């Protein structure tokens, strides 16, 4: 796991106490595209399941995740794909 990847995971774990959390660095898939930097750590995919998302719209769920990572967005994170799920 990379430094930024670890930071994303820590923040989301602390904020949402998820029952499921997966953070993937997909930077290698975007080499040569906008926002990509040598060394990666620019493009991430997050899958998260938490009771904090219960009753929230998909847009609100994404806003909550983005808020937790606000100061990392745009630099060093260029792109963040989010799959947020409420607890069943």
C-alpha atoms as a PDB file:
ATOM      1  CA  UNK A   1       0.000   0.000   0.000  1.00  0.00           C
ATOM      2  CA  UNK A   2       1.172   3.495  -0.797  1.00  0.00           C
ATOM      3  CA  UNK A   3       1.394   6.466   1.568  1.00  0.00           C
ATOM      4  CA  UNK A   4      -1.634   8.269   0.132  1.00  0.00           C
ATOM      5  CA  UNK A   5      -3.552   4.993  -0.055  1.00  0.00           C
ATOM      6  CA  UNK A   6      -2.855   4.394   3.641  1.00  0.00           C
ATOM      7  CA  UNK A   7      -3.957   7.941   4.502  1.00  0.00           C
ATOM      8  CA  UNK A   8      -7.229   7.508   2.588  1.00  0.00           C
ATOM      9  CA  UNK A   9      -7.897   4.216   4.359  1.00  0.00           C
ATOM     10  CA  UNK A  10      -7.103   5.663   7.804  1.00  0.00           C
ATOM     11  CA  UNK A  11      -9.336   8.697   7.346  1.00  0.00           C
ATOM     12  CA  UNK A  12     -12.280   6.688   6.055  1.00  0.00           C
ATOM     13  CA  UNK A  13     -11.852   4.080   8.804  1.00  0.00           C
ATOM     14  CA  UNK A  14     -11.761   6.778  11.496  1.00  0.00           C
ATOM     15  CA  UNK A  15     -14.698   8.756  10.087  1.00  0.00           C
ATOM     16  CA  UNK A  16     -17.105   5.956   9.111  1.00  0.00           C
ATOM     17  CA  UNK A  17     -16.070   2.789  11.025  1.00  0.00           C
ATOM     18  CA  UNK A  18     -16.962   0.769   7.914  1.00  0.00           C
ATOM     19  CA  UNK A  19     -17.738  -2.937   7.876  1.00  0.00           C
ATOM     20  CA  UNK A  20     -16.114  -3.037   4.429  1.00  0.00           C
ATOM     21  CA  UNK A  21     -13.347  -0.810   3.097  1.00  0.00           C
ATOM     22  CA  UNK A  22     -11.168  -1.295   0.048  1.00  0.00           C
ATOM     23  CA  UNK A  23      -8.864   1.399  -1.343  1.00  0.00           C
ATOM     24  CA  UNK A  24      -7.145   0.641  -4.648  1.00  0.00           C
ATOM     25  CA  UNK A  25      -4.438   2.725  -6.286  1.00  0.00           C
ATOM     26  CA  UNK A  26      -5.378   2.655  -9.984  1.00  0.00           C
ATOM     27  CA  UNK A  27      -2.799   5.232 -11.048  1.00  0.00           C
ATOM     28  CA  UNK A  28      -1.020   2.723 -13.286  1.00  0.00           C
ATOM     29  CA  UNK A  29      -4.176   2.541 -15.436  1.00  0.00           C
ATOM     30  CA  UNK A  30      -3.960   6.278 -16.160  1.00  0.00           C
ATOM     31  CA  UNK A  31      -0.302   6.648 -17.095  1.00  0.00           C
ATOM     32  CA  UNK A  32       0.128   9.475 -19.568  1.00  0.00           C
ATOM     33  CA  UNK A  33      -3.339  10.925 -18.921  1.00  0.00           C
ATOM     34  CA  UNK A  34      -4.220  14.182 -17.197  1.00  0.00           C
ATOM     35  CA  UNK A  35      -3.328  14.367 -13.530  1.00  0.00           C
ATOM     36  CA  UNK A  36      -1.017  11.350 -13.624  1.00  0.00           C
ATOM     37  CA  UNK A  37       2.416  11.778 -12.044  1.00  0.00           C
ATOM     38  CA  UNK A  38       5.498   9.590 -12.013  1.00  0.00           C
ATOM     39  CA  UNK A  39       5.268   7.342  -8.981  1.00  0.00           C
ATOM     40  CA  UNK A  40       1.462   7.128  -9.088  1.00  0.00           C
ATOM     41  CA  UNK A  41      -0.730   7.840  -6.073  1.00  0.00           C
ATOM     42  CA  UNK A  42      -3.040  10.023  -8.165  1.00  0.00           C
ATOM     43  CA  UNK A  43      -6.055   7.853  -9.094  1.00  0.00           C
ATOM     44  CA  UNK A  44      -7.933   5.781  -6.522  1.00  0.00           C
ATOM     45  CA  UNK A  45     -11.029   3.595  -6.261  1.00  0.00           C
ATOM     46  CA  UNK A  46     -12.804   3.309  -2.894  1.00  0.00           C
ATOM     47  CA  UNK A  47     -15.426   0.736  -1.954  1.00  0.00           C
ATOM     48  CA  UNK A  48     -16.936   1.394   1.465  1.00  0.00           C
ATOM     49  CA  UNK A  49     -19.908   0.038   3.451  1.00  0.00           C
ATOM     50  CA  UNK A  50     -21.000   1.855   6.586  1.00  0.00           C
ATOM     51  CA  UNK A  51     -24.092   2.496   8.671  1.00  0.00           C
ATOM     52  CA  UNK A  52     -23.184   6.203   8.341  1.00  0.00           C
ATOM     53  CA  UNK A  53     -24.631   5.968   4.816  1.00  0.00           C
ATOM     54  CA  UNK A  54     -27.988   4.525   5.907  1.00  0.00           C
ATOM     55  CA  UNK A  55     -30.825   6.716   4.639  1.00  0.00           C
ATOM     56  CA  UNK A  56     -28.468   8.904   2.586  1.00  0.00           C
ATOM     57  CA  UNK A  57     -28.709   9.429  -1.156  1.00  0.00           C
ATOM     58  CA  UNK A  58     -25.820   8.297  -3.357  1.00  0.00           C
ATOM     59  CA  UNK A  59     -24.860  11.940  -3.854  1.00  0.00           C
ATOM     60  CA  UNK A  60     -24.794  12.537  -0.096  1.00  0.00           C
ATOM     61  CA  UNK A  61     -22.715   9.391   0.434  1.00  0.00           C
ATOM     62  CA  UNK A  62     -20.153  10.625  -2.104  1.00  0.00           C
ATOM     63  CA  UNK A  63     -20.125  14.082  -0.545  1.00  0.00           C
ATOM     64  CA  UNK A  64     -19.416  12.528   2.851  1.00  0.00           C
ATOM     65  CA  UNK A  65     -16.445  10.571   1.486  1.00  0.00           C
ATOM     66  CA  UNK A  66     -15.135  13.604  -0.421  1.00  0.00           C
ATOM     67  CA  UNK A  67     -15.436  15.748   2.726  1.00  0.00           C
ATOM     68  CA  UNK A  68     -13.321  13.261   4.677  1.00  0.00           C
ATOM     69  CA  UNK A  69     -10.585  13.589   2.039  1.00  0.00           C
ATOM     70  CA  UNK A  70     -11.104  17.256   1.169  1.00  0.00           C
ATOM     71  CA  UNK A  71      -7.545  18.501   1.675  1.00  0.00           C
ATOM     72  CA  UNK A  72      -6.125  15.613  -0.398  1.00  0.00           C
ATOM     73  CA  UNK A  73      -8.326  16.278  -3.419  1.00  0.00           C
ATOM     74  CA  UNK A  74      -6.687  17.832  -6.485  1.00  0.00           C
ATOM     75  CA  UNK A  75      -3.283  17.346  -4.884  1.00  0.00           C
ATOM     76  CA  UNK A  76      -2.186  14.636  -4.390  1.00  0.00           C
ATOM     77  CA  UNK A  77      -5.440  12.885  -5.446  1.00  0.00           C
ATOM     78  CA  UNK A  78      -6.428  13.661  -9.023  1.00  0.00           C
ATOM     79  CA  UNK A  79      -9.340  11.224  -9.360  1.00  0.00           C
ATOM     80  CA  UNK A  80     -11.432   9.258  -6.885  1.00  0.00           C
ATOM     81  CA  UNK A  81     -14.011   6.647  -7.886  1.00  0.00           C
ATOM     82  CA  UNK A  82     -16.406   5.872  -5.021  1.00  0.00           C
ATOM     83  CA  UNK A  83     -18.731   2.944  -4.419  1.00  0.00           C
ATOM     84  CA  UNK A  84     -20.446   3.691  -1.118  1.00  0.00           C
ATOM     85  CA  UNK A  85     -23.030   1.352   0.355  1.00  0.00           C
ATOM     86  CA  UNK A  86     -25.256   1.561   3.437  1.00  0.00           C
ATOM     87  CA  UNK A  87     -25.347  -1.366   5.854  1.00  0.00           C
ATOM     88  CA  UNK A  88     -27.919  -3.958   4.883  1.00  0.00           C
END
